[in-house]
C-alpha atoms as a PDB file:
ATOM      1  CA  MET A   1     -16.354 -13.363  13.210  1.00  0.00           C
ATOM      2  CA  GLU A   2     -13.234 -15.280  12.191  1.00  0.00           C
ATOM      3  CA  LYS A   3      -9.961 -14.244  13.798  1.00  0.00           C
ATOM      4  CA  ILE A   4      -7.596 -12.598  11.310  1.00  0.00           C
ATOM      5  CA  LYS A   5      -4.177 -14.252  11.244  1.00  0.00           C
ATOM      6  CA  THR A   6      -1.491 -12.067   9.707  1.00  0.00           C
ATOM      7  CA  SER A   7       0.626 -15.069   8.749  1.00  0.00           C
ATOM      8  CA  HIS A   8      -2.233 -16.407   6.621  1.00  0.00           C
ATOM      9  CA  TYR A   9      -1.860 -13.478   4.207  1.00  0.00           C
ATOM     10  CA  ARG A  10       1.881 -12.741   4.336  1.00  0.00           C
ATOM     11  CA  ILE A  11       3.918 -14.191   1.469  1.00  0.00           C
ATOM     12  CA  GLU A  12       6.913 -16.068   2.833  1.00  0.00           C
ATOM     13  CA  GLU A  13       7.353 -18.705   0.130  1.00  0.00           C
ATOM     14  CA  THR A  14       6.586 -19.061  -3.559  1.00  0.00           C
ATOM     15  CA  VAL A  15       2.866 -18.791  -4.303  1.00  0.00           C
ATOM     16  CA  ARG A  16       0.503 -19.167  -7.247  1.00  0.00           C
ATOM     17  CA  LEU A  17      -2.113 -16.430  -7.235  1.00  0.00           C
ATOM     18  CA  LYS A  18      -4.647 -18.682  -8.947  1.00  0.00           C
ATOM     19  CA  ASP A  19      -4.531 -20.914  -5.870  1.00  0.00           C
ATOM     20  CA  ILE A  20      -5.295 -18.078  -3.434  1.00  0.00           C
ATOM     21  CA  PRO A  21      -9.008 -17.349  -2.754  1.00  0.00           C
ATOM     22  CA  THR A  22     -10.319 -13.941  -3.758  1.00  0.00           C
ATOM     23  CA  LEU A  23     -13.302 -13.999  -1.372  1.00  0.00           C
ATOM     24  CA  ASN A  24     -13.416 -14.124   2.415  1.00  0.00           C
ATOM     25  CA  THR A  25     -16.287 -12.566   4.372  1.00  0.00           C
ATOM     26  CA  LEU A  26     -14.711 -13.513   7.721  1.00  0.00           C
ATOM     27  CA  GLY A  27     -18.073 -15.044   8.591  1.00  0.00           C
ATOM     28  CA  ALA A  28     -19.410 -11.596   9.472  1.00  0.00           C
ATOM     29  CA  THR A  29     -22.215  -9.280   8.418  1.00  0.00           C
ATOM     30  CA  GLU A  30     -21.499  -5.925   6.771  1.00  0.00           C
ATOM     31  CA  GLU A  31     -22.416  -4.150  10.016  1.00  0.00           C
ATOM     32  CA  GLU A  32     -20.015  -6.323  12.021  1.00  0.00           C
ATOM     33  CA  LEU A  33     -17.218  -5.668   9.537  1.00  0.00           C
ATOM     34  CA  GLU A  34     -17.777  -1.909   9.689  1.00  0.00           C
ATOM     35  CA  GLU A  35     -17.837  -1.897  13.490  1.00  0.00           C
ATOM     36  CA  ALA A  36     -14.627  -3.925  13.680  1.00  0.00           C
ATOM     37  CA  LEU A  37     -12.920  -1.604  11.171  1.00  0.00           C
ATOM     38  CA  SER A  38     -13.899   1.411  13.255  1.00  0.00           C
ATOM     39  CA  GLY A  39     -12.067  -0.105  16.208  1.00  0.00           C
ATOM     40  CA  GLU A  40      -8.947  -0.820  14.145  1.00  0.00           C
ATOM     41  CA  ARG A  41      -8.945   2.735  12.755  1.00  0.00           C
ATOM     42  CA  LYS A  42      -8.879   4.177  16.252  1.00  0.00           C
ATOM     43  CA  LYS A  43      -5.933   1.968  17.226  1.00  0.00           C
ATOM     44  CA  LEU A  44      -4.025   2.982  14.097  1.00  0.00           C
ATOM     45  CA  ALA A  45      -4.697   6.660  14.843  1.00  0.00           C
ATOM     46  CA  GLU A  46      -3.381   6.275  18.402  1.00  0.00           C
ATOM     47  CA  PHE A  47      -0.283   4.494  17.114  1.00  0.00           C
ATOM     48  CA  GLN A  48       0.404   7.208  14.550  1.00  0.00           C
ATOM     49  CA  ASN A  49       0.238   9.876  17.277  1.00  0.00           C
ATOM     50  CA  ARG A  50       2.780   7.948  19.369  1.00  0.00           C
ATOM     51  CA  MET A  51       4.988   7.412  16.336  1.00  0.00           C
ATOM     52  CA  TYR A  52       4.892  11.128  15.519  1.00  0.00           C
ATOM     53  CA  ALA A  53       5.978  12.003  19.058  1.00  0.00           C
ATOM     54  CA  HIS A  54       8.680   9.321  18.953  1.00  0.00           C
ATOM     55  CA  GLY A  55       9.977  10.732  15.678  1.00  0.00           C
ATOM     56  CA  LYS A  56      12.200   7.903  14.430  1.00  0.00           C
ATOM     57  CA  TYR A  57      10.007   5.832  12.105  1.00  0.00           C
ATOM     58  CA  GLY A  58       7.806   6.392   9.092  1.00  0.00           C
ATOM     59  CA  VAL A  59       5.327   3.907   7.621  1.00  0.00           C
ATOM     60  CA  LEU A  60       5.058   3.188   3.893  1.00  0.00           C
ATOM     61  CA  ILE A  61       1.933   1.345   2.761  1.00  0.00           C
ATOM     62  CA  CYS A  62       1.910   0.153  -0.853  1.00  0.00           C
ATOM     63  CA  ILE A  63      -1.435  -0.754  -2.425  1.00  0.00           C
ATOM     64  CA  GLN A  64      -1.538  -2.666  -5.708  1.00  0.00           C
ATOM     65  CA  GLY A  65      -4.327  -4.476  -7.525  1.00  0.00           C
ATOM     66  CA  MET A  66      -6.103  -4.929 -10.815  1.00  0.00           C
ATOM     67  CA  ASP A  67      -8.441  -2.179 -12.007  1.00  0.00           C
ATOM     68  CA  THR A  68     -11.577  -1.985  -9.777  1.00  0.00           C
ATOM     69  CA  ALA A  69      -9.828  -3.848  -6.926  1.00  0.00           C
ATOM     70  CA  GLY A  70     -11.055  -1.169  -4.504  1.00  0.00           C
ATOM     71  CA  LYS A  71      -7.833   0.728  -3.804  1.00  0.00           C
ATOM     72  CA  ASP A  72      -9.359   4.209  -3.526  1.00  0.00           C
ATOM     73  CA  SER A  73     -12.239   3.274  -1.238  1.00  0.00           C
ATOM     74  CA  LEU A  74      -9.976   1.117   0.933  1.00  0.00           C
ATOM     75  CA  ILE A  75      -7.564   4.000   1.492  1.00  0.00           C
ATOM     76  CA  ARG A  76     -10.442   6.341   2.320  1.00  0.00           C
ATOM     77  CA  GLU A  77     -12.086   3.981   4.798  1.00  0.00           C
ATOM     78  CA  VAL A  78      -9.014   2.585   6.554  1.00  0.00           C
ATOM     79  CA  PHE A  79      -7.131   5.841   7.170  1.00  0.00           C
ATOM     80  CA  LYS A  80      -9.869   8.422   7.683  1.00  0.00           C
ATOM     81  CA  ASP A  81      -9.466   8.533  11.487  1.00  0.00           C
ATOM     82  CA  LEU A  82      -5.766   9.355  11.355  1.00  0.00           C
ATOM     83  CA  ASN A  83      -4.665  12.924  11.925  1.00  0.00           C
ATOM     84  CA  ALA A  84      -4.902  14.594   8.509  1.00  0.00           C
ATOM     85  CA  ARG A  85      -1.307  15.808   8.910  1.00  0.00           C
ATOM     86  CA  GLY A  86      -0.135  12.316   9.793  1.00  0.00           C
ATOM     87  CA  VAL A  87      -1.016  10.475   6.581  1.00  0.00           C
ATOM     88  CA  VAL A  88      -0.252  11.438   2.978  1.00  0.00           C
ATOM     89  CA  VAL A  89      -1.687   9.559  -0.002  1.00  0.00           C
ATOM     90  CA  HIS A  90       0.196   9.509  -3.296  1.00  0.00           C
ATOM     91  CA  SER A  91      -1.605   8.305  -6.416  1.00  0.00           C
ATOM     92  CA  PHE A  92       0.933   7.465  -9.087  1.00  0.00           C
ATOM     93  CA  LYS A  93      -0.338   7.940 -12.634  1.00  0.00           C
ATOM     94  CA  ILE A  94       1.495   7.906 -15.969  1.00  0.00           C
ATOM     95  CA  PRO A  95       4.891   9.579 -15.385  1.00  0.00           C
ATOM     96  CA  SER A  96       5.064  13.268 -16.243  1.00  0.00           C
ATOM     97  CA  MET A  97       7.699  14.734 -18.551  1.00  0.00           C
ATOM     98  CA  LEU A  98       9.668  15.894 -15.492  1.00  0.00           C
ATOM     99  CA  GLU A  99       9.499  12.443 -13.907  1.00  0.00           C
ATOM    100  CA  LEU A 100      10.661  10.799 -17.133  1.00  0.00           C
ATOM    101  CA  ARG A 101      13.788  12.945 -17.013  1.00  0.00           C
ATOM    102  CA  HIS A 102      14.804  11.037 -13.859  1.00  0.00           C
ATOM    103  CA  ASP A 103      15.161   7.358 -13.042  1.00  0.00           C
ATOM    104  CA  TYR A 104      11.888   5.488 -12.483  1.00  0.00           C
ATOM    105  CA  LEU A 105      12.294   5.411  -8.678  1.00  0.00           C
ATOM    106  CA  TRP A 106      12.903   9.164  -8.329  1.00  0.00           C
ATOM    107  CA  ARG A 107       9.272  10.186  -7.850  1.00  0.00           C
ATOM    108  CA  HIS A 108       8.816   7.458  -5.246  1.00  0.00           C
ATOM    109  CA  TYR A 109      11.820   8.652  -3.223  1.00  0.00           C
ATOM    110  CA  LEU A 110      10.201  12.091  -3.089  1.00  0.00           C
ATOM    111  CA  ALA A 111       6.986  10.594  -1.695  1.00  0.00           C
ATOM    112  CA  LEU A 112       8.546   8.515   1.100  1.00  0.00           C
ATOM    113  CA  PRO A 113       7.077   9.237   4.551  1.00  0.00           C
ATOM    114  CA  GLU A 114       8.597  11.728   6.939  1.00  0.00           C
ATOM    115  CA  ARG A 115       9.492  10.310  10.329  1.00  0.00           C
ATOM    116  CA  GLY A 116       6.297  10.096  12.337  1.00  0.00           C
ATOM    117  CA  LYS A 117       3.988   9.910   9.330  1.00  0.00           C
ATOM    118  CA  PHE A 118       2.253   7.373   7.099  1.00  0.00           C
ATOM    119  CA  SER A 119       2.630   7.496   3.309  1.00  0.00           C
ATOM    120  CA  VAL A 120       0.147   5.474   1.261  1.00  0.00           C
ATOM    121  CA  PHE A 121       1.087   4.671  -2.328  1.00  0.00           C
ATOM    122  CA  ASN A 122      -2.000   4.123  -4.481  1.00  0.00           C
ATOM    123  CA  ARG A 123      -0.231   2.176  -7.211  1.00  0.00           C
ATOM    124  CA  THR A 124       3.475   2.065  -6.595  1.00  0.00           C
ATOM    125  CA  HIS A 125       6.987   1.613  -7.932  1.00  0.00           C
ATOM    126  CA  TYR A 126       5.822  -1.899  -8.885  1.00  0.00           C
ATOM    127  CA  GLU A 127       4.036  -0.469 -11.899  1.00  0.00           C
ATOM    128  CA  ASN A 128       7.540  -0.474 -13.397  1.00  0.00           C
ATOM    129  CA  VAL A 129       7.613  -4.285 -13.387  1.00  0.00           C
ATOM    130  CA  LEU A 130       3.900  -4.776 -14.090  1.00  0.00           C
ATOM    131  CA  VAL A 131       2.405  -2.371 -16.627  1.00  0.00           C
ATOM    132  CA  THR A 132       5.747  -2.000 -18.384  1.00  0.00           C
ATOM    133  CA  ARG A 133       6.105  -5.763 -18.701  1.00  0.00           C
ATOM    134  CA  VAL A 134       2.705  -6.042 -20.330  1.00  0.00           C
ATOM    135  CA  HIS A 135       3.493  -2.942 -22.426  1.00  0.00           C
ATOM    136  CA  PRO A 136       7.314  -2.883 -22.729  1.00  0.00           C
ATOM    137  CA  GLU A 137       7.110  -0.064 -25.270  1.00  0.00           C
ATOM    138  CA  TYR A 138       6.436   2.270 -22.309  1.00  0.00           C
ATOM    139  CA  VAL A 139      10.030   1.727 -21.161  1.00  0.00           C
ATOM    140  CA  LEU A 140      11.267   3.549 -24.277  1.00  0.00           C
ATOM    141  CA  ASN A 141       9.840   6.784 -22.814  1.00  0.00           C
ATOM    142  CA  GLU A 142      12.426   6.546 -20.012  1.00  0.00           C
ATOM    143  CA  ASN A 143      15.339   7.192 -22.421  1.00  0.00           C
ATOM    144  CA  ILE A 144      17.583   4.630 -20.756  1.00  0.00           C
ATOM    145  CA  PRO A 145      21.069   4.298 -22.302  1.00  0.00           C
ATOM    146  CA  GLY A 146      21.320   1.142 -24.389  1.00  0.00           C
ATOM    147  CA  ILE A 147      17.545   0.698 -24.721  1.00  0.00           C
ATOM    148  CA  GLU A 148      16.729   1.775 -28.267  1.00  0.00           C
ATOM    149  CA  SER A 149      13.859  -0.607 -29.022  1.00  0.00           C
ATOM    150  CA  VAL A 150      11.647  -3.198 -27.350  1.00  0.00           C
ATOM    151  CA  ASN A 151      14.089  -5.833 -28.619  1.00  0.00           C
ATOM    152  CA  ASP A 152      16.666  -4.449 -26.158  1.00  0.00           C
ATOM    153  CA  ILE A 153      14.386  -5.246 -23.194  1.00  0.00           C
ATOM    154  CA  GLY A 154      15.177  -8.843 -22.325  1.00  0.00           C
ATOM    155  CA  PRO A 155      14.995 -10.992 -19.166  1.00  0.00           C
ATOM    156  CA  GLU A 156      18.213  -9.473 -17.808  1.00  0.00           C
ATOM    157  CA  PHE A 157      16.571  -6.018 -17.895  1.00  0.00           C
ATOM    158  CA  TRP A 158      13.754  -7.200 -15.604  1.00  0.00           C
ATOM    159  CA  ASP A 159      16.185  -9.086 -13.358  1.00  0.00           C
ATOM    160  CA  LYS A 160      18.079  -5.841 -12.855  1.00  0.00           C
ATOM    161  CA  ARG A 161      14.911  -3.899 -12.169  1.00  0.00           C
ATOM    162  CA  PHE A 162      13.815  -6.361  -9.472  1.00  0.00           C
ATOM    163  CA  GLU A 163      17.267  -6.069  -7.926  1.00  0.00           C
ATOM    164  CA  GLN A 164      16.985  -2.263  -7.938  1.00  0.00           C
ATOM    165  CA  ILE A 165      13.560  -2.367  -6.279  1.00  0.00           C
ATOM    166  CA  ASN A 166      14.780  -4.747  -3.586  1.00  0.00           C
ATOM    167  CA  ASN A 167      17.793  -2.507  -2.936  1.00  0.00           C
ATOM    168  CA  PHE A 168      15.559   0.579  -2.773  1.00  0.00           C
ATOM    169  CA  GLU A 169      13.316  -1.022  -0.171  1.00  0.00           C
ATOM    170  CA  LYS A 170      16.257  -2.348   1.826  1.00  0.00           C
ATOM    171  CA  LEU A 171      17.821   1.097   1.962  1.00  0.00           C
ATOM    172  CA  VAL A 172      14.713   2.891   3.171  1.00  0.00           C
ATOM    173  CA  ALA A 173      13.858   0.120   5.647  1.00  0.00           C
ATOM    174  CA  GLU A 174      17.333   0.333   7.187  1.00  0.00           C
ATOM    175  CA  ASN A 175      16.781   4.057   7.678  1.00  0.00           C
ATOM    176  CA  GLY A 176      13.559   3.798   9.658  1.00  0.00           C
ATOM    177  CA  THR A 177      10.752   3.236   7.129  1.00  0.00           C
ATOM    178  CA  LEU A 178       8.396   0.369   7.981  1.00  0.00           C
ATOM    179  CA  ILE A 179       7.177  -1.092   4.685  1.00  0.00           C
ATOM    180  CA  PHE A 180       3.928  -2.969   4.048  1.00  0.00           C
ATOM    181  CA  LYS A 181       2.885  -4.091   0.553  1.00  0.00           C
ATOM    182  CA  PHE A 182      -0.679  -5.233  -0.122  1.00  0.00           C
ATOM    183  CA  PHE A 183      -2.034  -6.879  -3.267  1.00  0.00           C
ATOM    184  CA  LEU A 184      -5.835  -6.634  -3.466  1.00  0.00           C
ATOM    185  CA  HIS A 185      -6.705  -9.941  -5.090  1.00  0.00           C
ATOM    186  CA  ILE A 186     -10.009  -9.916  -6.972  1.00  0.00           C
ATOM    187  CA  SER A 187     -11.504 -12.434  -9.378  1.00  0.00           C
ATOM    188  CA  LYS A 188     -12.054 -11.695 -13.033  1.00  0.00           C
ATOM    189  CA  GLU A 189     -15.798 -12.161 -12.536  1.00  0.00           C
ATOM    190  CA  GLU A 190     -15.876  -9.639  -9.692  1.00  0.00           C
ATOM    191  CA  GLN A 191     -14.042  -7.142 -11.893  1.00  0.00           C
ATOM    192  CA  ARG A 192     -16.671  -7.696 -14.615  1.00  0.00           C
ATOM    193  CA  GLN A 193     -19.449  -6.945 -12.134  1.00  0.00           C
ATOM    194  CA  ARG A 194     -17.720  -3.802 -10.873  1.00  0.00           C
ATOM    195  CA  LEU A 195     -17.162  -2.508 -14.404  1.00  0.00           C
ATOM    196  CA  LEU A 196     -20.839  -3.113 -15.147  1.00  0.00           C
ATOM    197  CA  ARG A 197     -21.802  -1.125 -12.038  1.00  0.00           C
ATOM    198  CA  ARG A 198     -19.689   1.759 -13.326  1.00  0.00           C
ATOM    199  CA  LEU A 199     -21.662   1.684 -16.557  1.00  0.00           C
ATOM    200  CA  ASN A 200     -25.075   1.232 -14.924  1.00  0.00           C
ATOM    201  CA  LYS A 201     -24.692   3.842 -12.180  1.00  0.00           C
ATOM    202  CA  LYS A 202     -24.643   7.385 -13.573  1.00  0.00           C
ATOM    203  CA  SER A 203     -22.566   8.761 -10.697  1.00  0.00           C
ATOM    204  CA  LYS A 204     -19.876   6.157 -11.455  1.00  0.00           C
ATOM    205  CA  ASN A 205     -19.750   6.612 -15.248  1.00  0.00           C
ATOM    206  CA  TRP A 206     -16.769   8.966 -15.006  1.00  0.00           C
ATOM    207  CA  LYS A 207     -14.629   6.121 -13.668  1.00  0.00           C
ATOM    208  CA  PHE A 208     -15.096   4.042 -16.817  1.00  0.00           C
ATOM    209  CA  SER A 209     -12.763   4.127 -19.803  1.00  0.00           C
ATOM    210  CA  PRO A 210     -12.934   1.935 -22.920  1.00  0.00           C
ATOM    211  CA  GLY A 211      -9.285   1.210 -22.207  1.00  0.00           C
ATOM    212  CA  ASP A 212     -10.420  -0.730 -19.116  1.00  0.00           C
ATOM    213  CA  LEU A 213     -11.845  -3.393 -21.417  1.00  0.00           C
ATOM    214  CA  GLU A 214      -8.662  -3.575 -23.464  1.00  0.00           C
ATOM    215  CA  GLU A 215      -6.585  -4.076 -20.318  1.00  0.00           C
ATOM    216  CA  ARG A 216      -9.070  -6.685 -19.090  1.00  0.00           C
ATOM    217  CA  LYS A 217      -8.218  -8.824 -22.118  1.00  0.00           C
ATOM    218  CA  LEU A 218      -4.681  -9.016 -20.714  1.00  0.00           C
ATOM    219  CA  TRP A 219      -5.856 -10.361 -17.343  1.00  0.00           C
ATOM    220  CA  ASP A 220      -3.782 -13.560 -17.397  1.00  0.00           C
ATOM    221  CA  GLU A 221      -0.657 -11.697 -18.434  1.00  0.00           C
ATOM    222  CA  TYR A 222      -1.062  -9.166 -15.620  1.00  0.00           C
ATOM    223  CA  LEU A 223      -1.683 -11.941 -13.092  1.00  0.00           C
ATOM    224  CA  LYS A 224       1.481 -13.731 -14.220  1.00  0.00           C
ATOM    225  CA  TYR A 225       3.604 -10.629 -13.715  1.00  0.00           C
ATOM    226  CA  TYR A 226       1.972  -9.775 -10.395  1.00  0.00           C
ATOM    227  CA  GLU A 227       2.789 -13.276  -9.213  1.00  0.00           C
ATOM    228  CA  GLU A 228       6.419 -12.967 -10.268  1.00  0.00           C
ATOM    229  CA  ALA A 229       6.802  -9.526  -8.692  1.00  0.00           C
ATOM    230  CA  ILE A 230       5.336 -10.704  -5.379  1.00  0.00           C
ATOM    231  CA  ASN A 231       7.458 -13.843  -5.286  1.00  0.00           C
ATOM    232  CA  ARG A 232      10.676 -11.991  -6.119  1.00  0.00           C
ATOM    233  CA  THR A 233      10.274  -9.049  -3.752  1.00  0.00           C
ATOM    234  CA  SER A 234       8.514 -10.278  -0.601  1.00  0.00           C
ATOM    235  CA  THR A 235      11.187  -9.919   2.069  1.00  0.00           C
ATOM    236  CA  ALA A 236      11.339  -9.805   5.861  1.00  0.00           C
ATOM    237  CA  HIS A 237      11.758  -6.012   5.825  1.00  0.00           C
ATOM    238  CA  ALA A 238       9.233  -5.371   3.015  1.00  0.00           C
ATOM    239  CA  PRO A 239       6.712  -8.231   2.955  1.00  0.00           C
ATOM    240  CA  TRP A 240       3.832  -8.680   0.544  1.00  0.00           C
ATOM    241  CA  TYR A 241       0.359  -9.551   1.800  1.00  0.00           C
ATOM    242  CA  VAL A 242      -2.213 -10.971  -0.616  1.00  0.00           C
ATOM    243  CA  LEU A 243      -5.709  -9.991   0.512  1.00  0.00           C
ATOM    244  CA  PRO A 244      -8.998 -11.448  -0.800  1.00  0.00           C
ATOM    245  CA  ALA A 245     -10.707  -8.391  -2.271  1.00  0.00           C
ATOM    246  CA  ASP A 246     -14.016  -9.591  -3.729  1.00  0.00           C
ATOM    247  CA  ASN A 247     -15.660  -8.396  -0.494  1.00  0.00           C
ATOM    248  CA  LYS A 248     -14.511  -4.802  -0.014  1.00  0.00           C
ATOM    249  CA  LYS A 249     -15.502  -4.422   3.633  1.00  0.00           C
ATOM    250  CA  ALA A 250     -13.722  -7.614   4.693  1.00  0.00           C
ATOM    251  CA  CYS A 251     -10.632  -6.646   2.684  1.00  0.00           C
ATOM    252  CA  ARG A 252     -10.423  -3.275   4.442  1.00  0.00           C
ATOM    253  CA  LEU A 253     -10.695  -4.890   7.855  1.00  0.00           C
ATOM    254  CA  ILE A 254      -8.051  -7.503   7.058  1.00  0.00           C
ATOM    255  CA  LEU A 255      -5.599  -4.829   5.919  1.00  0.00           C
ATOM    256  CA  ALA A 256      -6.203  -2.630   8.972  1.00  0.00           C
ATOM    257  CA  ASP A 257      -5.895  -5.588  11.337  1.00  0.00           C
ATOM    258  CA  ILE A 258      -2.634  -6.781   9.754  1.00  0.00           C
ATOM    259  CA  LEU A 259      -1.187  -3.279   9.817  1.00  0.00           C
ATOM    260  CA  TYR A 260      -1.901  -2.724  13.502  1.00  0.00           C
ATOM    261  CA  ASP A 261      -0.913  -6.291  14.427  1.00  0.00           C
ATOM    262  CA  GLU A 262       2.532  -5.699  12.918  1.00  0.00           C
ATOM    263  CA  LEU A 263       3.017  -2.110  14.096  1.00  0.00           C
ATOM    264  CA  LYS A 264       2.236  -2.872  17.740  1.00  0.00           C
ATOM    265  CA  LYS A 265       5.289  -5.162  17.799  1.00  0.00           C
ATOM    266  CA  TYR A 266       7.480  -2.042  17.848  1.00  0.00           C
ATOM    267  CA  LYS A 267       7.478  -1.647  21.635  1.00  0.00           C
ATOM    268  CA  ASN A 268      10.156   1.042  21.452  1.00  0.00           C
ATOM    269  CA  ILE A 269       7.744   3.475  19.777  1.00  0.00           C
ATOM    270  CA  LYS A 270       6.624   5.572  22.751  1.00  0.00           C
ATOM    271  CA  GLU A 271       6.007   9.210  23.559  1.00  0.00           C
ATOM    272  CA  PRO A 272       9.214  10.839  24.800  1.00  0.00           C
ATOM    273  CA  GLN A 273       9.473  11.461  28.558  1.00  0.00           C
ATOM    274  CA  LEU A 274       9.638  14.991  29.912  1.00  0.00           C
ATOM    275  CA  ASP A 275      12.932  15.952  31.505  1.00  0.00           C
ATOM    276  CA  GLU A 276      13.194  15.581  35.287  1.00  0.00           C
ATOM    277  CA  ASP A 277      12.958  19.310  36.072  1.00  0.00           C
ATOM    278  CA  THR A 278       9.781  19.743  34.036  1.00  0.00           C
ATOM    279  CA  MET A 279       8.209  16.629  35.541  1.00  0.00           C
ATOM    280  CA  ALA A 280       9.028  17.834  39.059  1.00  0.00           C
ATOM    281  CA  ASN A 281       7.320  21.176  38.433  1.00  0.00           C
ATOM    282  CA  LEU A 282       4.131  20.069  36.654  1.00  0.00           C
ATOM    283  CA  GLU A 283       1.945  21.068  39.600  1.00  0.00           C
ATOM    284  CA  TYR A 284       3.593  24.483  39.679  1.00  0.00           C
ATOM    285  CA  TYR A 285       2.890  25.040  35.961  1.00  0.00           C
ATOM    286  CA  LYS A 286      -0.740  23.937  36.393  1.00  0.00           C
ATOM    287  CA  LYS A 287      -1.235  26.395  39.269  1.00  0.00           C
ATOM    288  CA  GLN A 288       0.218  29.176  37.120  1.00  0.00           C
ATOM    289  CA  LEU A 289      -2.336  28.526  34.403  1.00  0.00           C
ATOM    290  CA  GLU A 290      -5.245  27.981  36.792  1.00  0.00           C
ATOM    291  CA  GLY A 291      -4.427  31.251  38.533  1.00  0.00           C
ATOM    292  CA  GLU A 292      -4.649  33.411  35.403  1.00  0.00           C
END
């Protein structure tokens, strides 16, 4: 199996998504990929336990991708060995009426991880510079002062929104949130095949919507805005990683490997030490319990 190099996937300079491969099997069989992922899951679970005891950091994992990119199954398979109380998944849909009465980042602030925990965003605050750029009429639902029609939403509006997102991430990073942003990069042909499987497999029919085909027609537009968002917001404290997602099992392993490879660099995340008096009397406490 090929060695996974984090730097190969992290975006540190301007990229063109069309130039980045969407398929990488890592030269491994499905069984080898599953076995390797199992090992990475265990390491992530052990890290999360230490981080919880340490109590000073939280981890925010942002997952973005085109429809059918495999976000749901990736989240299920990568994080299923973590303590159920240590990881919270937030799936952001169309904003509710309550959410629309606040700024667009409000609901994401509420979902940030507690210290010691992982929060996984299935779709993220980046929808506000992706879906709304393809469909700018959605912005009108936010009731922003000075935005009365789509004609009021010009380049300066999006510049400001990127600035706000960068400031948001900088703020939370400076206060102990470790941020990882992953774009699951699939090909248009692979999406076609996955949509067909939804139609052909009865148990998957519920996932299909005719709207999926309408959005698919806007593929190039979405890719353009994904590319801009990634290039404008990949920073040292909140980097983007572009993962080849045509092979789901390899994509899951790459994400898990990158996540642990980066988290283990935080050598200061350790279980707290017992105070000297308690340490000195451990044998006494054990004898008390054994003598009951």
